[in-house]
Amino acid sequence: MNFLSFEWRIIEKIGGQENGDEKDISRLFDPPALVHGLEFNQKRPITLFQGKGCLKCRGTGYLGRIGIYELVPINASIRRLIKAETDTETLRAQAIKEGVYTLRQNAVKKLLEGKTTLEEVLRVTWTHA
C-alpha cells in the first residue's frame, strides 16, 4: 500500500517513566474534552507524565525523540482526488473524513500513552489547533 504524507514533526520523548512523575490533570479542565485546542475523548481521568530530570538527560526530563505524522493511505477516493489535481486542503479534508489522524491527534495519542508531555505537544503542534 502507498501512503501520502502531509506533515511530520519530531517531538521530545520523556526520559523514562521510571524517572518521571505522574500527574492527573483531569481536574484542570471543565469540560475535560478541550484544552488549548487538544481534544481528549476520554471519559476517565487523564494521567500525563513529566520527566524528573537526571544526569543522563541533563536535567531536561527528555531523552530521545519520536516522530508524529499525518500519513494517508492512498485508496480509491484519494487516488481520484490526486488524479484530478485537487488542492492539498481538499485532499487533507477527505483524508480526515476517512479517519486519518491529524498531526495534533497523533501527538495527543503519544501524550496519552505517556511518551511525551503536554508542553511538548503544544510547542510542536501549536499551528495545528
N, C-alpha and C. Protein backbone atom coordinates (compact mmCIF):
# COMPACT_ATOMS: atom_id res chain seq x y z
N MET A 1 0.84 -1.17 0.00
CA MET A 1 0.00 0.00 0.00
C MET A 1 0.89 1.24 0.00
N ASN A 2 0.48 2.24 -0.74
CA ASN A 2 1.19 3.51 -0.81
C ASN A 2 0.59 4.50 0.17
N PHE A 3 1.42 5.42 0.62
CA PHE A 3 0.98 6.45 1.56
C PHE A 3 1.40 7.82 1.06
N LEU A 4 0.61 8.80 1.46
CA LEU A 4 0.89 10.19 1.19
C LEU A 4 1.12 10.84 2.55
N SER A 5 2.17 11.62 2.69
CA SER A 5 2.44 12.29 3.95
C SER A 5 2.22 13.78 3.79
N PHE A 6 1.29 14.33 4.60
CA PHE A 6 1.06 15.76 4.57
C PHE A 6 2.10 16.49 5.42
N GLU A 7 2.31 16.00 6.62
CA GLU A 7 3.25 16.65 7.52
C GLU A 7 3.85 15.65 8.48
N TRP A 8 4.99 16.01 9.04
CA TRP A 8 5.59 15.24 10.11
C TRP A 8 6.44 16.17 10.95
N ARG A 9 6.62 15.82 12.20
CA ARG A 9 7.45 16.59 13.14
C ARG A 9 8.14 15.60 14.08
N ILE A 10 9.18 16.08 14.70
CA ILE A 10 9.89 15.32 15.72
C ILE A 10 9.58 15.97 17.07
N ILE A 11 9.18 15.17 18.05
CA ILE A 11 8.93 15.70 19.39
C ILE A 11 9.84 15.01 20.40
N GLU A 12 10.08 15.70 21.48
CA GLU A 12 10.94 15.16 22.54
C GLU A 12 10.21 14.04 23.29
N LYS A 13 10.97 13.02 23.64
CA LYS A 13 10.44 11.86 24.34
C LYS A 13 10.82 11.93 25.82
N ILE A 14 9.88 11.61 26.70
CA ILE A 14 10.17 11.60 28.13
C ILE A 14 11.28 10.61 28.40
N GLY A 15 12.18 10.97 29.32
CA GLY A 15 13.38 10.19 29.58
C GLY A 15 13.18 8.82 30.19
N GLY A 16 12.01 8.40 30.45
CA GLY A 16 11.76 7.09 31.05
C GLY A 16 10.78 7.24 32.19
N GLN A 17 9.71 6.49 32.15
CA GLN A 17 8.68 6.68 33.16
C GLN A 17 9.15 6.30 34.56
N GLU A 18 10.18 5.47 34.65
CA GLU A 18 10.68 5.16 35.98
C GLU A 18 11.33 6.40 36.60
N ASN A 19 11.70 7.37 35.75
CA ASN A 19 12.28 8.62 36.24
C ASN A 19 11.26 9.75 36.25
N GLY A 20 10.01 9.46 35.91
CA GLY A 20 9.03 10.52 35.74
C GLY A 20 8.01 10.62 36.85
N ASP A 21 7.33 11.74 36.87
CA ASP A 21 6.25 11.97 37.81
C ASP A 21 4.93 11.88 37.07
N GLU A 22 3.97 11.20 37.67
CA GLU A 22 2.61 11.17 37.13
C GLU A 22 1.88 12.39 37.64
N LYS A 23 1.04 12.96 36.79
CA LYS A 23 0.15 13.99 37.31
C LYS A 23 -1.20 13.84 36.64
N ASP A 24 -2.23 13.79 37.46
CA ASP A 24 -3.59 13.66 36.96
C ASP A 24 -4.08 15.07 36.68
N ILE A 25 -4.30 15.38 35.40
CA ILE A 25 -4.70 16.74 35.02
C ILE A 25 -6.19 16.84 34.73
N SER A 26 -6.95 15.76 34.93
CA SER A 26 -8.36 15.77 34.56
C SER A 26 -9.14 16.84 35.31
N ARG A 27 -8.75 17.16 36.52
CA ARG A 27 -9.48 18.16 37.30
C ARG A 27 -9.23 19.58 36.79
N LEU A 28 -8.25 19.78 35.93
CA LEU A 28 -7.92 21.11 35.43
C LEU A 28 -8.85 21.58 34.33
N PHE A 29 -9.59 20.68 33.72
CA PHE A 29 -10.38 21.03 32.55
C PHE A 29 -11.87 20.83 32.80
N ASP A 30 -12.65 21.83 32.47
CA ASP A 30 -14.09 21.75 32.60
C ASP A 30 -14.72 22.30 31.33
N PRO A 31 -15.23 21.52 30.43
CA PRO A 31 -15.25 20.05 30.47
C PRO A 31 -13.88 19.50 30.12
N PRO A 32 -13.61 18.26 30.50
CA PRO A 32 -12.28 17.70 30.24
C PRO A 32 -12.03 17.38 28.77
N ALA A 33 -12.93 17.79 27.88
CA ALA A 33 -12.78 17.46 26.46
C ALA A 33 -11.81 18.39 25.73
N LEU A 34 -11.64 19.61 26.18
CA LEU A 34 -10.81 20.55 25.42
C LEU A 34 -9.79 21.26 26.30
N VAL A 35 -8.61 21.37 25.80
CA VAL A 35 -7.57 22.18 26.43
C VAL A 35 -6.67 22.70 25.33
N HIS A 36 -6.59 23.97 25.19
CA HIS A 36 -5.73 24.59 24.17
C HIS A 36 -5.92 23.98 22.79
N GLY A 37 -7.14 23.62 22.44
CA GLY A 37 -7.39 23.04 21.13
C GLY A 37 -7.07 21.56 21.03
N LEU A 38 -6.67 20.94 22.13
CA LEU A 38 -6.41 19.50 22.14
C LEU A 38 -7.70 18.80 22.52
N GLU A 39 -8.06 17.79 21.77
CA GLU A 39 -9.29 17.06 22.08
C GLU A 39 -8.95 15.77 22.81
N PHE A 40 -9.51 15.62 24.00
CA PHE A 40 -9.37 14.40 24.77
C PHE A 40 -10.75 13.75 24.79
N ASN A 41 -10.91 12.69 24.05
CA ASN A 41 -12.20 11.99 24.01
C ASN A 41 -12.19 10.85 25.03
N GLN A 42 -11.81 11.16 26.23
CA GLN A 42 -11.69 10.16 27.28
C GLN A 42 -12.70 10.46 28.37
N LYS A 43 -13.36 9.44 28.87
CA LYS A 43 -14.32 9.60 29.95
C LYS A 43 -13.66 9.35 31.31
N ARG A 44 -12.46 8.84 31.31
CA ARG A 44 -11.77 8.53 32.56
C ARG A 44 -10.77 9.64 32.89
N PRO A 45 -10.24 9.64 34.12
CA PRO A 45 -9.23 10.66 34.46
C PRO A 45 -8.03 10.58 33.50
N ILE A 46 -7.48 11.71 33.21
CA ILE A 46 -6.36 11.80 32.28
C ILE A 46 -5.08 11.90 33.09
N THR A 47 -4.18 10.94 32.93
CA THR A 47 -2.90 10.96 33.63
C THR A 47 -1.80 11.20 32.62
N LEU A 48 -1.02 12.24 32.86
CA LEU A 48 0.11 12.56 31.99
C LEU A 48 1.40 12.41 32.77
N PHE A 49 2.49 12.26 32.05
CA PHE A 49 3.80 12.10 32.68
C PHE A 49 4.68 13.30 32.39
N GLN A 50 5.56 13.57 33.32
CA GLN A 50 6.54 14.63 33.19
C GLN A 50 7.86 14.06 33.66
N GLY A 51 8.91 14.17 32.87
CA GLY A 51 10.22 13.67 33.28
C GLY A 51 10.76 14.46 34.45
N LYS A 52 11.44 13.77 35.37
CA LYS A 52 12.02 14.43 36.54
C LYS A 52 13.30 15.16 36.20
N GLY A 53 14.07 14.57 35.32
CA GLY A 53 15.39 15.12 35.02
C GLY A 53 16.45 14.34 35.79
N CYS A 54 17.55 14.06 35.12
CA CYS A 54 18.64 13.31 35.73
C CYS A 54 19.93 13.66 34.98
N LEU A 55 21.03 13.05 35.38
CA LEU A 55 22.30 13.32 34.69
C LEU A 55 22.25 12.87 33.23
N LYS A 56 21.59 11.73 33.00
CA LYS A 56 21.53 11.17 31.65
C LYS A 56 20.82 12.11 30.66
N CYS A 57 19.76 12.78 31.13
CA CYS A 57 19.01 13.69 30.24
C CYS A 57 19.42 15.15 30.46
N ARG A 58 20.46 15.35 31.28
CA ARG A 58 20.97 16.70 31.60
C ARG A 58 19.90 17.58 32.24
N GLY A 59 19.05 16.95 33.04
CA GLY A 59 18.07 17.68 33.82
C GLY A 59 16.84 18.15 33.06
N THR A 60 16.71 17.74 31.79
CA THR A 60 15.58 18.23 30.99
C THR A 60 14.31 17.41 31.19
N GLY A 61 14.45 16.15 31.55
CA GLY A 61 13.29 15.25 31.63
C GLY A 61 13.01 14.56 30.30
N TYR A 62 13.75 14.95 29.26
CA TYR A 62 13.57 14.35 27.93
C TYR A 62 14.81 13.57 27.54
N LEU A 63 14.60 12.45 26.86
CA LEU A 63 15.71 11.66 26.37
C LEU A 63 15.29 10.99 25.07
N GLY A 64 15.77 11.48 23.97
CA GLY A 64 15.42 10.95 22.66
C GLY A 64 14.26 11.69 22.04
N ARG A 65 13.92 11.26 20.85
CA ARG A 65 12.84 11.90 20.10
C ARG A 65 11.98 10.84 19.43
N ILE A 66 10.73 11.21 19.16
CA ILE A 66 9.84 10.33 18.42
C ILE A 66 9.13 11.16 17.35
N GLY A 67 8.68 10.49 16.31
CA GLY A 67 8.01 11.19 15.23
C GLY A 67 6.51 11.20 15.39
N ILE A 68 5.90 12.28 14.90
CA ILE A 68 4.44 12.34 14.76
C ILE A 68 4.17 12.63 13.29
N TYR A 69 3.14 12.01 12.74
CA TYR A 69 2.93 12.06 11.30
C TYR A 69 1.47 12.23 10.94
N GLU A 70 1.24 12.72 9.73
CA GLU A 70 -0.05 12.65 9.06
C GLU A 70 0.20 11.77 7.85
N LEU A 71 -0.12 10.50 7.96
CA LEU A 71 0.06 9.56 6.86
C LEU A 71 -1.30 9.16 6.31
N VAL A 72 -1.45 9.28 5.01
CA VAL A 72 -2.72 8.99 4.36
C VAL A 72 -2.55 7.78 3.44
N PRO A 73 -3.26 6.68 3.71
CA PRO A 73 -3.22 5.57 2.77
C PRO A 73 -3.90 6.00 1.47
N ILE A 74 -3.26 5.70 0.36
CA ILE A 74 -3.83 6.10 -0.92
C ILE A 74 -4.82 5.04 -1.37
N ASN A 75 -6.10 5.31 -1.10
CA ASN A 75 -7.18 4.42 -1.52
C ASN A 75 -7.82 5.01 -2.79
N ALA A 76 -8.91 4.42 -3.22
CA ALA A 76 -9.55 4.84 -4.48
C ALA A 76 -9.99 6.30 -4.46
N SER A 77 -10.62 6.74 -3.36
CA SER A 77 -11.11 8.12 -3.32
C SER A 77 -9.97 9.13 -3.29
N ILE A 78 -8.91 8.85 -2.55
CA ILE A 78 -7.74 9.74 -2.51
C ILE A 78 -7.05 9.75 -3.87
N ARG A 79 -6.93 8.57 -4.48
CA ARG A 79 -6.31 8.48 -5.81
C ARG A 79 -7.07 9.34 -6.84
N ARG A 80 -8.42 9.29 -6.78
CA ARG A 80 -9.22 10.12 -7.70
C ARG A 80 -8.93 11.61 -7.51
N LEU A 81 -8.84 12.03 -6.25
CA LEU A 81 -8.55 13.43 -5.97
C LEU A 81 -7.16 13.84 -6.45
N ILE A 82 -6.19 12.95 -6.29
CA ILE A 82 -4.83 13.23 -6.76
C ILE A 82 -4.81 13.36 -8.28
N LYS A 83 -5.47 12.42 -8.97
CA LYS A 83 -5.52 12.46 -10.44
C LYS A 83 -6.22 13.72 -10.95
N ALA A 84 -7.19 14.21 -10.18
CA ALA A 84 -7.93 15.41 -10.57
C ALA A 84 -7.16 16.68 -10.20
N GLU A 85 -5.94 16.52 -9.67
CA GLU A 85 -5.08 17.63 -9.26
C GLU A 85 -5.79 18.56 -8.26
N THR A 86 -6.46 17.93 -7.30
CA THR A 86 -7.17 18.65 -6.24
C THR A 86 -6.16 19.33 -5.32
N ASP A 87 -6.57 20.48 -4.75
CA ASP A 87 -5.67 21.20 -3.84
C ASP A 87 -5.44 20.40 -2.55
N THR A 88 -4.38 20.72 -1.86
CA THR A 88 -3.96 20.00 -0.66
C THR A 88 -5.01 20.03 0.44
N GLU A 89 -5.65 21.16 0.63
CA GLU A 89 -6.65 21.27 1.71
C GLU A 89 -7.84 20.32 1.48
N THR A 90 -8.27 20.19 0.24
CA THR A 90 -9.37 19.27 -0.08
C THR A 90 -8.94 17.83 0.14
N LEU A 91 -7.71 17.51 -0.29
CA LEU A 91 -7.16 16.17 -0.06
C LEU A 91 -7.11 15.86 1.44
N ARG A 92 -6.60 16.82 2.20
CA ARG A 92 -6.47 16.64 3.65
C ARG A 92 -7.84 16.47 4.30
N ALA A 93 -8.81 17.28 3.89
CA ALA A 93 -10.17 17.18 4.45
C ALA A 93 -10.78 15.80 4.17
N GLN A 94 -10.58 15.29 2.97
CA GLN A 94 -11.08 13.96 2.62
C GLN A 94 -10.40 12.88 3.45
N ALA A 95 -9.09 13.02 3.64
CA ALA A 95 -8.35 12.04 4.44
C ALA A 95 -8.85 12.03 5.88
N ILE A 96 -9.09 13.21 6.45
CA ILE A 96 -9.59 13.30 7.82
C ILE A 96 -10.99 12.69 7.91
N LYS A 97 -11.81 12.94 6.89
CA LYS A 97 -13.16 12.36 6.86
C LYS A 97 -13.09 10.83 6.86
N GLU A 98 -12.04 10.30 6.25
CA GLU A 98 -11.87 8.84 6.18
C GLU A 98 -11.15 8.28 7.41
N GLY A 99 -10.87 9.12 8.41
CA GLY A 99 -10.32 8.61 9.67
C GLY A 99 -8.83 8.75 9.87
N VAL A 100 -8.15 9.49 9.03
CA VAL A 100 -6.71 9.69 9.20
C VAL A 100 -6.48 10.62 10.38
N TYR A 101 -5.51 10.29 11.23
CA TYR A 101 -5.14 11.15 12.36
C TYR A 101 -4.43 12.39 11.85
N THR A 102 -4.81 13.55 12.39
CA THR A 102 -4.07 14.77 12.08
C THR A 102 -2.76 14.75 12.86
N LEU A 103 -1.89 15.68 12.56
CA LEU A 103 -0.61 15.78 13.27
C LEU A 103 -0.86 15.94 14.77
N ARG A 104 -1.79 16.82 15.13
CA ARG A 104 -2.07 17.06 16.55
C ARG A 104 -2.70 15.83 17.19
N GLN A 105 -3.61 15.14 16.51
CA GLN A 105 -4.22 13.94 17.08
C GLN A 105 -3.16 12.87 17.33
N ASN A 106 -2.20 12.76 16.42
CA ASN A 106 -1.12 11.80 16.59
C ASN A 106 -0.27 12.17 17.81
N ALA A 107 -0.02 13.46 18.00
CA ALA A 107 0.75 13.92 19.16
C ALA A 107 -0.01 13.67 20.46
N VAL A 108 -1.32 13.91 20.45
CA VAL A 108 -2.14 13.65 21.65
C VAL A 108 -2.13 12.17 21.99
N LYS A 109 -2.14 11.33 20.98
CA LYS A 109 -2.06 9.87 21.21
C LYS A 109 -0.76 9.53 21.95
N LYS A 110 0.34 10.12 21.52
CA LYS A 110 1.64 9.89 22.18
C LYS A 110 1.62 10.46 23.60
N LEU A 111 0.94 11.58 23.78
CA LEU A 111 0.81 12.20 25.10
C LEU A 111 0.06 11.27 26.05
N LEU A 112 -1.07 10.74 25.60
CA LEU A 112 -1.88 9.86 26.45
C LEU A 112 -1.21 8.52 26.71
N GLU A 113 -0.29 8.12 25.82
CA GLU A 113 0.48 6.89 26.04
C GLU A 113 1.65 7.11 27.00
N GLY A 114 1.87 8.36 27.42
CA GLY A 114 2.96 8.67 28.35
C GLY A 114 4.32 8.81 27.69
N LYS A 115 4.35 9.03 26.39
CA LYS A 115 5.62 9.11 25.67
C LYS A 115 6.18 10.53 25.57
N THR A 116 5.32 11.54 25.77
CA THR A 116 5.76 12.93 25.71
C THR A 116 4.92 13.76 26.67
N THR A 117 5.17 15.06 26.70
CA THR A 117 4.49 15.93 27.66
C THR A 117 3.50 16.85 26.95
N LEU A 118 2.58 17.40 27.73
CA LEU A 118 1.62 18.37 27.21
C LEU A 118 2.35 19.58 26.64
N GLU A 119 3.35 20.04 27.33
CA GLU A 119 4.12 21.20 26.87
C GLU A 119 4.74 20.95 25.50
N GLU A 120 5.26 19.75 25.30
CA GLU A 120 5.89 19.40 24.02
C GLU A 120 4.87 19.32 22.90
N VAL A 121 3.70 18.75 23.19
CA VAL A 121 2.63 18.66 22.18
C VAL A 121 2.22 20.06 21.75
N LEU A 122 2.02 20.94 22.72
CA LEU A 122 1.62 22.31 22.39
C LEU A 122 2.71 23.05 21.62
N ARG A 123 3.95 22.84 22.01
CA ARG A 123 5.07 23.51 21.33
C ARG A 123 5.15 23.12 19.86
N VAL A 124 5.01 21.82 19.59
CA VAL A 124 5.23 21.31 18.24
C VAL A 124 4.00 21.44 17.34
N THR A 125 2.81 21.40 17.92
CA THR A 125 1.60 21.41 17.09
C THR A 125 0.77 22.67 17.27
N TRP A 126 1.34 23.72 17.77
CA TRP A 126 0.59 24.93 18.07
C TRP A 126 -0.18 25.45 16.85
N THR A 127 0.39 25.41 15.68
CA THR A 127 -0.26 25.92 14.48
C THR A 127 -1.32 24.98 13.95
N HIS A 128 -1.52 23.83 14.58
CA HIS A 128 -2.47 22.81 14.10
C HIS A 128 -3.71 22.72 14.98
N ALA A 129 -4.03 23.79 15.70
CA ALA A 129 -5.18 23.76 16.61
C ALA A 129 -6.48 23.70 15.85
